[in-house]
Every structure is written in structure tokens, then in C-alpha cells.
């Protein structure tokens, strides 16, 4: 049950991130943009975050129970 709850929340978080990115893209089309923010800077920062998290937390992924992972995937798919 916990996996389903976390899966639903992860899906909502991913949707929120996508909506913010789309909002920034649409704002750029109409001429409203943040001057110091570029796609290169964002992608570079995002890749740094992902590699750091993968380096420090990759060991814990293997310790999750199988039922939690199945529930997480079910929660992602139910949304």
C-alpha cells in the first residue's frame, strides 16, 4: 500500500516538473524569459544532480522490498 501511495505522489511530482518546464518554454515563446536561465545550464545542473544521487543512493535501491517496488510501479501507472 505504501508503494502505491509513493508511486502516485511521484507521478504527480513528475507531472509538476513537466508543467513548470512547459510553462518556461511557453513564456519564452511570448518573450517573457529569465535572463540567466538557459537550457544548457538547466540540463548541466540536472545531470549533476542525477549523477550525485545515483552515486550516493544506488546501494539503497537494491535493498527495497519487491512488494514496495511493485506497488510504486502500480501507483505510477494508476495516475
Protein backbone atom coordinates (compact mmCIF):
# COMPACT_ATOMS: atom_id res chain seq x y z
CA UNK A 1 0.00 0.00 0.00
CA UNK A 2 2.85 2.39 0.78
CA UNK A 3 4.35 1.79 -2.64
CA UNK A 4 1.12 2.76 -4.36
CA UNK A 5 0.90 5.98 -2.36
CA UNK A 6 4.51 6.90 -3.14
CA UNK A 7 4.01 5.96 -6.80
CA UNK A 8 1.01 8.27 -7.12
CA UNK A 9 2.92 11.08 -5.44
CA UNK A 10 5.96 10.52 -7.67
CA UNK A 11 3.74 10.69 -10.74
CA UNK A 12 2.26 13.97 -9.51
CA UNK A 13 5.75 15.32 -8.85
CA UNK A 14 6.90 14.37 -12.34
CA UNK A 15 3.80 15.98 -13.84
CA UNK A 16 4.52 19.17 -11.86
CA UNK A 17 8.10 19.29 -13.15
CA UNK A 18 6.90 18.82 -16.73
CA UNK A 19 4.31 21.57 -16.33
CA UNK A 20 6.92 24.02 -14.96
CA UNK A 21 9.23 23.25 -17.88
CA UNK A 22 6.37 23.73 -20.37
CA UNK A 23 5.46 27.00 -18.66
CA UNK A 24 9.03 28.26 -19.05
CA UNK A 25 9.08 27.23 -22.71
CA UNK A 26 5.77 28.95 -23.44
CA UNK A 27 6.92 32.05 -21.56
CA UNK A 28 9.98 32.11 -23.80
CA UNK A 29 7.78 32.00 -26.89
CA UNK A 30 5.86 35.09 -25.84
CA UNK A 31 9.02 36.95 -24.86
CA UNK A 32 8.98 36.56 -21.08
CA UNK A 33 12.18 34.81 -20.05
CA UNK A 34 14.55 34.60 -17.13
CA UNK A 35 17.80 36.14 -18.42
CA UNK A 36 20.26 33.93 -16.56
CA UNK A 37 18.41 30.68 -17.26
CA UNK A 38 19.28 28.70 -20.36
CA UNK A 39 18.61 25.12 -21.37
CA UNK A 40 22.32 24.31 -21.24
CA UNK A 41 22.63 25.48 -17.65
CA UNK A 42 19.48 23.62 -16.59
CA UNK A 43 20.50 20.36 -18.27
CA UNK A 44 24.03 20.58 -16.86
CA UNK A 45 22.72 21.18 -13.34
CA UNK A 46 20.14 18.41 -13.71
CA UNK A 47 22.76 15.90 -14.87
CA UNK A 48 24.99 16.87 -11.92
CA UNK A 49 22.13 16.24 -9.50
CA UNK A 50 21.25 12.88 -11.07
CA UNK A 51 24.85 11.62 -11.07
CA UNK A 52 25.36 12.69 -7.45
CA UNK A 53 22.16 10.99 -6.33
CA UNK A 54 23.00 7.84 -8.29
CA UNK A 55 26.46 7.73 -6.73
CA UNK A 56 25.28 8.10 -3.14
CA UNK A 57 21.95 6.25 -3.17
CA UNK A 58 22.45 3.45 -5.69
CA UNK A 59 23.22 0.96 -2.90
CA UNK A 60 19.86 1.54 -1.22
CA UNK A 61 17.84 0.80 -4.36
CA UNK A 62 18.77 -2.87 -4.14
CA UNK A 63 17.54 -3.03 -0.55
CA UNK A 64 13.91 -2.11 -1.29
CA UNK A 65 11.43 -4.94 -0.87
CA UNK A 66 9.93 -6.30 -4.05
CA UNK A 67 6.36 -5.57 -2.91
CA UNK A 68 7.20 -1.89 -2.44
CA UNK A 69 8.64 -1.63 -5.96
CA UNK A 70 5.60 -3.36 -7.46
CA UNK A 71 3.30 -1.00 -5.55
CA UNK A 72 5.34 2.00 -6.68
CA UNK A 73 5.03 1.00 -10.33
CA UNK A 74 1.31 0.33 -9.87
CA UNK A 75 0.91 3.79 -8.35
CA UNK A 76 2.70 5.38 -11.31
CA UNK A 77 0.51 3.52 -13.77
CA UNK A 78 -2.76 4.25 -11.98
CA UNK A 79 -2.48 8.01 -12.34
